[in-house]
């Protein structure tokens, strides 16, 4: 099945209002007519990835209205999408059970899907560029019975890393596998890189910089209640995930646990600290972490960017949120603001920080807050999309942003009811929103 982009709207931002580095052309293109939208499973922020690309193809995957896995592919030189409905059906009633995809350096597409403390479901395409897949398979065959939050990361040499939690909320460990494109096989790097010691678990975010260094940050959770989130920690690997060190260069004794972790931001429990947000790096390989929490003096939880300047960890609070809300309970929550994605780019010798988010105060639109890194002025906010997206969270083609500095967001209006309840039979069209800063 083949569908073309349907261009819904187009806007040219006005130079007199928006700084030159933010001037852009924005398009919103419908690529598929109906995907499952009865909860947020297709748009949760921990999808790594909802979109992935190389120089030849771009892929996406999501659940249709009946819970079957849909995979789409287009040539990077075309706006026509080819679609394949796989004979695999996920538990779409649980918003944790999302689909993650990634292309390796030889063009094979890898997919993991339908996990929330469940056995591993993983396969790869039968050939580069194909929409046909091999049968499901194990990776290493150990610690694969209670998988959650599968994430793929491509390294500069084309090899892959696969992160997942083994265990449960409040009691789990971070497992890392490594895929070699030379041997077309997986090996275990760490069965417990972040060790909850049977008392807690880590909710992480990771990024690979241009040199192949892996940046990892996380919050700890003491119980299944999200209110027990606390602190932000950090680790860095310069050897494809084998060994890890702190931001100051001290080598970790593995596994990393609550006692030996580097705490870059101390945040107590019950601070409305959200988990599983985003991290990125600038051209120098310095990390930037986006999240939100509420300090005692704050009127509401505020979006913040925690970043390393080469010597110290600093924090920028965007400080525009006025909507206070409760952040507690178990299961997926219906939260009036999304978890954020963070971007860094340089234009006209200025370094810009961008935060992509959804906020009920702004009508639940896809929005971009931006500022130069050294500015003391308030952050500017630009709505990228005119439509209300309900409980959507931003996910993007990280490869396209890193390689071409083009932002493409996976857009699907979704609902979410607290505690894994769903709005039955709800389907919405899938779109891609594209934004590019002008030179």
Protein backbone atom coordinates (compact mmCIF):
# COMPACT_ATOMS: atom_id res chain seq x y z
CA UNK A 1 0.00 0.00 0.00
CA UNK A 2 1.36 3.42 -0.93
CA UNK A 3 0.22 6.84 0.30
CA UNK A 4 1.52 10.32 -0.45
CA UNK A 5 1.97 13.15 1.94
CA UNK A 6 -1.17 15.25 2.30
CA UNK A 7 -0.04 18.81 2.99
CA UNK A 8 -2.43 20.37 5.49
CA UNK A 9 -0.88 23.74 6.05
CA UNK A 10 2.24 25.80 5.52
CA UNK A 11 3.50 28.93 7.24
CA UNK A 12 6.47 31.21 6.78
CA UNK A 13 7.59 32.75 10.05
CA UNK A 14 8.12 36.51 9.91
CA UNK A 15 11.70 37.68 10.33
CA UNK A 16 10.70 40.84 12.18
CA UNK A 17 9.11 38.77 14.95
CA UNK A 18 11.33 35.68 15.12
CA UNK A 19 15.16 35.88 15.27
CA UNK A 20 17.03 34.83 12.15
CA UNK A 21 18.11 31.49 13.63
CA UNK A 22 14.48 30.56 14.29
CA UNK A 23 13.03 31.70 10.95
CA UNK A 24 11.75 28.58 9.33
CA UNK A 25 9.36 26.87 7.03
CA UNK A 26 6.98 24.55 8.82
CA UNK A 27 4.91 21.85 7.15
CA UNK A 28 2.46 19.34 8.57
CA UNK A 29 1.95 16.37 6.24
CA UNK A 30 -0.58 13.60 6.81
CA UNK A 31 1.00 10.24 5.96
CA UNK A 32 -1.54 7.66 7.21
CA UNK A 33 -5.30 8.02 7.71
CA UNK A 34 -6.01 6.13 10.95
CA UNK A 35 -3.81 4.94 13.83
CA UNK A 36 -4.76 3.87 17.34
CA UNK A 37 -5.28 6.96 19.52
CA UNK A 38 -7.29 5.62 22.47
CA UNK A 39 -4.26 6.07 24.70
CA UNK A 40 -0.74 7.46 24.29
CA UNK A 41 1.04 4.19 23.34
CA UNK A 42 1.94 5.51 19.85
CA UNK A 43 3.36 8.80 21.13
CA UNK A 44 5.08 8.11 24.47
CA UNK A 45 8.38 9.94 24.68
CA UNK A 46 10.47 6.84 25.39
CA UNK A 47 9.94 5.50 21.85
CA UNK A 48 13.43 5.15 20.42
CA UNK A 49 12.43 5.65 17.75
CA UNK A 50 9.09 6.61 16.19
CA UNK A 51 10.97 7.75 13.06
CA UNK A 52 14.41 6.67 11.87
CA UNK A 53 16.36 7.32 8.69
CA UNK A 54 19.60 6.99 6.77
CA UNK A 55 20.63 8.57 3.47
CA UNK A 56 18.31 6.25 1.53
CA UNK A 57 15.13 5.56 3.49
CA UNK A 58 13.03 6.81 6.38
CA UNK A 59 10.88 4.42 8.42
CA UNK A 60 8.09 4.72 10.95
CA UNK A 61 6.01 2.18 12.89
CA UNK A 62 2.87 2.35 15.02
CA UNK A 63 -0.22 0.39 16.02
CA UNK A 64 -3.34 0.64 13.88
CA UNK A 65 -6.84 0.83 15.35
CA UNK A 66 -6.95 -2.94 15.92
CA UNK A 67 -3.53 -3.11 17.55
CA UNK A 68 -1.64 -4.53 14.57
CA UNK A 69 1.87 -3.26 13.85
CA UNK A 70 2.06 -0.95 10.82
CA UNK A 71 5.46 -0.22 9.27
CA UNK A 72 6.01 2.57 6.74
CA UNK A 73 8.95 3.38 4.48
CA UNK A 74 9.70 6.18 2.07
CA UNK A 75 12.68 7.10 -0.07
CA UNK A 76 14.41 10.20 1.26
CA UNK A 77 13.89 11.69 -2.20
CA UNK A 78 10.13 11.04 -2.23
CA UNK A 79 6.99 11.94 -0.30
CA UNK A 80 5.31 8.62 -1.11
CA UNK A 81 5.09 6.08 1.70
CA UNK A 82 4.89 2.30 1.30
CA UNK A 83 3.03 0.48 4.08
CA UNK A 84 3.09 -3.03 5.47
CA UNK A 85 0.61 -4.36 8.05
CA UNK A 86 2.44 -7.05 10.00
CA UNK A 87 0.74 -10.12 11.39
CA UNK A 88 1.69 -9.05 14.91
CA UNK A 89 -0.71 -7.53 17.39
CA UNK A 90 0.28 -5.64 20.54
CA UNK A 91 -1.53 -4.98 23.79
CA UNK A 92 -2.65 -1.45 22.96
CA UNK A 93 -4.55 -1.19 26.26
CA UNK A 94 -1.24 -0.51 28.07
CA UNK A 95 0.49 2.70 26.99
CA UNK A 96 3.88 1.33 28.05
CA UNK A 97 3.87 -1.25 25.23
CA UNK A 98 5.18 1.03 22.50
CA UNK A 99 7.16 0.22 19.33
CA UNK A 100 10.82 1.17 18.95
CA UNK A 101 12.77 0.97 15.69
CA UNK A 102 16.26 1.74 14.39
CA UNK A 103 18.29 1.24 11.21
CA UNK A 104 21.74 -0.26 11.58
CA UNK A 105 24.68 0.88 9.48
CA UNK A 106 23.95 -1.63 6.71
CA UNK A 107 20.30 -0.60 6.33
CA UNK A 108 18.54 -3.40 8.22
CA UNK A 109 15.56 -2.24 10.27
CA UNK A 110 15.40 -3.52 13.86
CA UNK A 111 12.17 -3.49 15.88
CA UNK A 112 11.17 -4.22 19.49
CA UNK A 113 7.54 -3.90 20.55
CA UNK A 114 4.80 -4.74 23.09
CA UNK A 115 6.75 -4.76 26.35
CA UNK A 116 5.79 -3.95 29.93
CA UNK A 117 7.51 -6.55 32.08
CA UNK A 118 7.01 -9.08 29.25
CA UNK A 119 9.28 -11.46 27.28
CA UNK A 120 11.34 -9.83 24.53
CA UNK A 121 9.66 -9.36 21.15
CA UNK A 122 12.33 -8.48 18.61
CA UNK A 123 13.03 -8.98 14.92
CA UNK A 124 14.84 -7.32 12.03
CA UNK A 125 14.11 -6.90 8.33
CA UNK A 126 15.12 -9.65 5.93
CA UNK A 127 17.22 -7.24 3.85
CA UNK A 128 18.27 -3.58 3.76
CA UNK A 129 15.37 -1.41 2.62
CA UNK A 130 12.81 -4.20 3.06
CA UNK A 131 9.38 -4.11 4.72
CA UNK A 132 9.52 -7.88 5.24
CA UNK A 133 10.82 -9.24 8.53
CA UNK A 134 12.51 -12.32 9.89
CA UNK A 135 10.69 -14.36 12.57
CA UNK A 136 10.89 -13.11 16.14
CA UNK A 137 14.15 -14.03 17.85
CA UNK A 138 16.07 -13.69 21.09
CA UNK A 139 19.03 -11.37 21.36
CA UNK A 140 21.28 -13.14 23.88
CA UNK A 141 18.70 -15.41 25.51
CA UNK A 142 19.19 -14.24 29.10
CA UNK A 143 17.35 -11.65 31.20
CA UNK A 144 14.74 -11.33 28.44
CA UNK A 145 11.60 -12.42 30.31
CA UNK A 146 10.64 -9.10 31.97
CA UNK A 147 11.48 -6.43 29.40
CA UNK A 148 10.27 -2.81 29.52
CA UNK A 149 11.23 0.40 27.67
CA UNK A 150 13.25 -1.05 24.75
CA UNK A 151 15.43 1.57 23.08
CA UNK A 152 17.81 1.38 20.11
CA UNK A 153 20.79 3.69 19.56
CA UNK A 154 22.97 3.72 16.44
CA UNK A 155 26.68 4.37 16.84
CA UNK A 156 28.77 6.24 14.22
CA UNK A 157 30.25 2.96 12.92
CA UNK A 158 26.76 1.56 12.26
CA UNK A 159 26.61 -0.83 15.21
CA UNK A 160 23.63 -0.65 17.57
CA UNK A 161 23.03 -0.56 21.30
CA UNK A 162 19.82 -1.84 22.84
CA UNK A 163 18.74 -0.57 26.27
CA UNK A 164 15.91 -2.01 28.34
CA UNK A 165 14.74 -2.43 31.90
CA UNK A 166 14.82 -5.92 33.36
CA UNK A 167 12.37 -5.98 36.26
CA UNK A 168 9.57 -3.72 37.38
CA UNK A 169 8.84 -0.16 38.45
CA UNK A 170 10.61 0.48 41.74
CA UNK A 171 12.65 -2.72 41.35
CA UNK A 172 14.62 -3.09 38.13
CA UNK A 173 17.99 -2.84 36.37
CA UNK A 174 19.23 -1.35 33.09
CA UNK A 175 20.43 -3.98 30.61
CA UNK A 176 22.54 -3.07 27.54
CA UNK A 177 23.12 -5.29 24.49
CA UNK A 178 25.49 -4.56 21.59
CA UNK A 179 24.86 -5.44 17.91
CA UNK A 180 27.74 -5.87 15.47
CA UNK A 181 27.01 -5.26 11.79
CA UNK A 182 30.06 -7.39 10.93
CA UNK A 183 28.73 -10.51 12.65
CA UNK A 184 25.00 -9.60 12.49
CA UNK A 185 24.67 -10.74 16.10
CA UNK A 186 23.97 -9.43 19.60
CA UNK A 187 26.15 -9.71 22.68
CA UNK A 188 25.55 -8.66 26.28
CA UNK A 189 27.46 -5.60 27.48
CA UNK A 190 25.84 -5.19 30.90
CA UNK A 191 23.20 -7.26 32.64
CA UNK A 192 22.83 -4.47 35.20
CA UNK A 193 24.53 -1.18 34.34
CA UNK A 194 22.17 0.78 36.59
CA UNK A 195 21.43 -1.49 39.53
CA UNK A 196 18.30 -0.88 41.58
CA UNK A 197 19.60 -3.32 44.23
CA UNK A 198 16.11 -4.74 44.58
CA UNK A 199 14.96 -1.46 46.13
CA UNK A 200 14.48 0.98 43.25
CA UNK A 201 14.89 1.40 39.50
CA UNK A 202 16.38 3.99 37.17
CA UNK A 203 14.40 5.83 34.48
CA UNK A 204 17.00 6.87 31.94
CA UNK A 205 17.53 8.86 28.78
CA UNK A 206 20.56 8.46 26.51
CA UNK A 207 22.22 10.18 23.55
CA UNK A 208 25.18 9.42 21.27
CA UNK A 209 27.34 12.37 20.24
CA UNK A 210 29.22 12.79 16.95
CA UNK A 211 32.34 11.11 18.35
CA UNK A 212 30.36 8.08 19.45
CA UNK A 213 30.44 8.93 23.15
CA UNK A 214 27.32 7.74 24.98
CA UNK A 215 25.70 10.12 27.47
CA UNK A 216 23.33 8.64 30.04
CA UNK A 217 21.24 10.42 32.64
CA UNK A 218 18.54 9.07 34.91
CA UNK A 219 16.29 9.57 37.90
CA UNK A 220 15.78 6.98 40.63
CA UNK A 221 12.33 5.72 41.64
CA UNK A 222 11.85 4.06 45.01
CA UNK A 223 8.37 2.58 44.51
CA UNK A 224 5.85 2.12 41.66
CA UNK A 225 4.44 5.55 42.61
CA UNK A 226 5.75 8.27 40.29
CA UNK A 227 5.90 10.64 43.28
CA UNK A 228 8.93 8.68 44.53
CA UNK A 229 11.11 9.92 41.63
CA UNK A 230 14.19 11.75 42.88
CA UNK A 231 17.51 13.25 41.76
CA UNK A 232 19.27 13.36 38.37
CA UNK A 233 22.43 11.32 37.80
CA UNK A 234 24.90 11.04 34.92
CA UNK A 235 27.38 8.66 33.29
CA UNK A 236 29.53 8.79 30.13
CA UNK A 237 31.02 6.02 27.98
CA UNK A 238 33.79 6.61 25.46
CA UNK A 239 34.21 2.98 24.37
CA UNK A 240 30.81 1.98 22.93
CA UNK A 241 29.25 1.33 26.31
CA UNK A 242 31.85 -1.00 27.81
CA UNK A 243 33.20 1.25 30.57
CA UNK A 244 31.63 4.30 32.16
CA UNK A 245 32.84 7.43 33.92
CA UNK A 246 31.51 10.55 35.61
CA UNK A 247 31.43 13.98 33.98
CA UNK A 248 34.67 14.75 35.85
CA UNK A 249 36.45 11.68 34.43
CA UNK A 250 36.32 9.34 37.42
CA UNK A 251 35.85 5.73 36.30
CA UNK A 252 32.78 3.99 37.69
CA UNK A 253 33.04 0.69 39.48
CA UNK A 254 30.17 -1.21 37.90
CA UNK A 255 27.31 -1.64 38.38
CA UNK A 256 26.25 1.90 39.10
CA UNK A 257 23.87 2.16 42.04
CA UNK A 258 22.40 4.78 44.37
CA UNK A 259 25.60 4.89 46.43
CA UNK A 260 28.24 5.44 43.72
CA UNK A 261 26.24 7.41 41.12
CA UNK A 262 27.22 10.97 40.18
CA UNK A 263 24.37 13.20 41.34
CA UNK A 264 24.30 16.25 39.08
CA UNK A 265 21.04 17.61 40.54
CA UNK A 266 19.66 16.77 43.97
CA UNK A 267 15.87 16.71 43.88
CA UNK A 268 13.89 15.15 46.75
CA UNK A 269 10.95 12.81 46.36
CA UNK A 270 7.51 14.45 46.00
CA UNK A 271 8.97 17.24 43.82
CA UNK A 272 6.83 16.36 40.78
CA UNK A 273 10.00 15.25 38.98
CA UNK A 274 9.05 13.51 35.77
CA UNK A 275 10.88 10.44 34.44
CA UNK A 276 12.11 9.42 30.97
CA UNK A 277 12.54 12.75 29.25
CA UNK A 278 15.37 13.54 26.82
CA UNK A 279 19.07 14.29 26.47
CA UNK A 280 21.11 15.65 23.57
CA UNK A 281 24.63 16.96 22.90
CA UNK A 282 26.12 20.01 21.23
CA UNK A 283 28.89 19.96 18.61
CA UNK A 284 31.49 19.72 21.38
CA UNK A 285 29.83 16.67 22.91
CA UNK A 286 28.48 18.45 25.97
CA UNK A 287 25.20 17.01 27.29
CA UNK A 288 21.87 18.82 27.76
CA UNK A 289 19.06 17.16 29.73
CA UNK A 290 15.42 18.33 29.58
CA UNK A 291 12.91 17.56 32.33
CA UNK A 292 10.52 19.23 34.74
CA UNK A 293 10.04 19.42 38.49
CA UNK A 294 8.71 21.77 41.16
CA UNK A 295 10.89 23.52 43.71
CA UNK A 296 9.25 24.76 46.92
CA UNK A 297 9.27 28.37 45.65
CA UNK A 298 7.75 27.50 42.25
CA UNK A 299 4.10 28.25 41.48
CA UNK A 300 3.97 25.10 39.33
CA UNK A 301 6.33 22.46 37.93
CA UNK A 302 8.72 24.17 35.54
CA UNK A 303 10.53 22.87 32.47
CA UNK A 304 14.27 22.92 33.00
CA UNK A 305 17.43 22.18 31.04
CA UNK A 306 20.35 20.77 33.03
CA UNK A 307 23.62 21.00 31.10
CA UNK A 308 27.38 20.61 31.43
CA UNK A 309 29.60 23.51 30.35
CA UNK A 310 32.79 21.46 30.43
CA UNK A 311 33.46 22.14 34.10
CA UNK A 312 30.19 22.48 35.98
CA UNK A 313 26.56 21.41 35.79
CA UNK A 314 24.20 24.34 35.29
CA UNK A 315 20.43 24.68 35.15
CA UNK A 316 18.14 26.90 33.12
CA UNK A 317 14.52 27.17 34.23
CA UNK A 318 12.12 28.21 31.50
CA UNK A 319 9.76 29.51 34.20
CA UNK A 320 6.64 30.09 32.12
CA UNK A 321 4.32 27.39 33.48
CA UNK A 322 1.40 28.41 35.66
CA UNK A 323 -0.56 25.15 35.80
CA UNK A 324 0.00 23.26 39.03
CA UNK A 325 -0.97 19.61 39.07
CA UNK A 326 -0.54 16.41 41.02
CA UNK A 327 2.11 13.95 39.91
CA UNK A 328 1.51 10.75 41.83
CA UNK A 329 0.06 7.30 41.37
CA UNK A 330 0.90 4.18 39.39
CA UNK A 331 0.63 3.42 35.69
CA UNK A 332 0.54 5.92 32.84
CA UNK A 333 -0.76 9.27 34.03
CA UNK A 334 -2.85 11.85 32.20
CA UNK A 335 -0.60 14.87 32.64
CA UNK A 336 -1.49 18.38 31.38
CA UNK A 337 2.06 18.97 30.10
CA UNK A 338 4.15 16.55 28.08
CA UNK A 339 7.59 15.33 28.80
CA UNK A 340 9.96 17.50 26.73
CA UNK A 341 12.47 16.94 23.94
CA UNK A 342 15.60 19.09 23.91
CA UNK A 343 17.50 20.45 20.89
CA UNK A 344 20.77 22.37 20.54
CA UNK A 345 21.86 24.15 17.37
CA UNK A 346 24.16 26.97 16.29
CA UNK A 347 23.27 29.74 13.87
CA UNK A 348 25.16 32.95 13.16
CA UNK A 349 27.67 32.07 15.90
CA UNK A 350 24.88 31.82 18.49
CA UNK A 351 24.10 28.61 20.37
CA UNK A 352 20.38 28.04 20.71
CA UNK A 353 18.53 25.78 23.09
CA UNK A 354 15.12 24.48 22.09
CA UNK A 355 12.50 22.63 24.10
CA UNK A 356 9.65 20.82 22.32
CA UNK A 357 6.58 20.27 24.48
CA UNK A 358 2.79 20.21 24.77
CA UNK A 359 1.00 22.34 27.38
CA UNK A 360 -2.69 22.39 28.24
CA UNK A 361 -2.41 26.13 28.92
CA UNK A 362 -1.48 26.60 25.24
CA UNK A 363 -4.28 24.41 23.94
CA UNK A 364 -2.22 21.18 23.88
CA UNK A 365 -0.38 22.20 20.70
CA UNK A 366 3.08 21.09 19.66
CA UNK A 367 5.19 24.02 20.83
CA UNK A 368 8.83 25.08 20.74
CA UNK A 369 10.43 27.22 23.45
CA UNK A 370 13.80 28.66 22.45
CA UNK A 371 16.52 30.97 23.67
CA UNK A 372 20.23 31.57 23.19
CA UNK A 373 22.30 29.82 25.79
CA UNK A 374 23.69 33.00 27.36
CA UNK A 375 20.54 35.09 27.18
CA UNK A 376 18.95 36.40 30.36
CA UNK A 377 15.73 37.28 28.52
CA UNK A 378 12.54 35.22 28.85
CA UNK A 379 12.19 32.25 26.53
CA UNK A 380 10.25 32.77 23.32
CA UNK A 381 7.53 30.23 22.53
CA UNK A 382 6.36 29.26 19.06
CA UNK A 383 3.40 26.97 18.38
CA UNK A 384 4.52 24.61 15.61
CA UNK A 385 1.06 23.16 15.01
CA UNK A 386 -2.40 24.67 15.17
CA UNK A 387 -4.26 21.52 16.19
CA UNK A 388 -4.93 20.27 19.73
CA UNK A 389 -3.05 17.04 20.36
CA UNK A 390 -4.59 16.12 23.74
CA UNK A 391 -2.00 13.90 25.54
CA UNK A 392 0.59 13.66 22.73
CA UNK A 393 4.28 13.70 23.61
CA UNK A 394 7.04 14.71 21.16
CA UNK A 395 9.16 12.07 19.43
CA UNK A 396 11.39 12.78 16.45
CA UNK A 397 13.77 11.42 13.84
CA UNK A 398 17.00 11.90 15.80
CA UNK A 399 19.11 10.75 12.85
CA UNK A 400 17.65 13.37 10.52
CA UNK A 401 18.20 16.13 13.07
CA UNK A 402 21.79 15.05 13.74
CA UNK A 403 22.72 14.61 10.07
CA UNK A 404 20.78 17.39 8.34
CA UNK A 405 19.48 19.60 11.17
CA UNK A 406 15.91 18.99 10.04
CA UNK A 407 13.36 18.41 12.76
CA UNK A 408 10.62 15.91 11.94
CA UNK A 409 8.09 15.17 14.68
CA UNK A 410 5.70 12.21 14.78
CA UNK A 411 2.25 13.81 15.18
CA UNK A 412 -0.83 11.90 16.36
CA UNK A 413 -3.56 13.39 18.61
CA UNK A 414 -4.08 10.87 21.42
CA UNK A 415 -6.02 10.64 24.64
CA UNK A 416 -4.81 9.18 27.94
CA UNK A 417 -6.78 8.24 31.03
CA UNK A 418 -5.00 7.62 34.35
CA UNK A 419 -4.10 4.05 35.17
CA UNK A 420 -4.08 2.45 31.69
CA UNK A 421 -7.72 3.08 30.87
CA UNK A 422 -8.51 3.76 27.21
CA UNK A 423 -11.01 5.48 24.97
CA UNK A 424 -12.21 2.58 22.84
CA UNK A 425 -12.14 2.58 19.04
CA UNK A 426 -10.48 5.99 18.82
CA UNK A 427 -8.40 6.43 15.64
CA UNK A 428 -6.64 9.52 14.29
CA UNK A 429 -4.44 10.34 11.29
CA UNK A 430 -0.65 10.21 11.55
CA UNK A 431 1.30 13.25 10.37
CA UNK A 432 4.88 14.42 10.23
CA UNK A 433 5.66 18.00 11.21
CA UNK A 434 8.84 19.37 9.68
CA UNK A 435 10.77 22.40 10.93
CA UNK A 436 14.17 23.65 9.86
CA UNK A 437 16.06 26.73 11.08
CA UNK A 438 17.18 28.85 8.16
CA UNK A 439 20.85 29.60 7.59
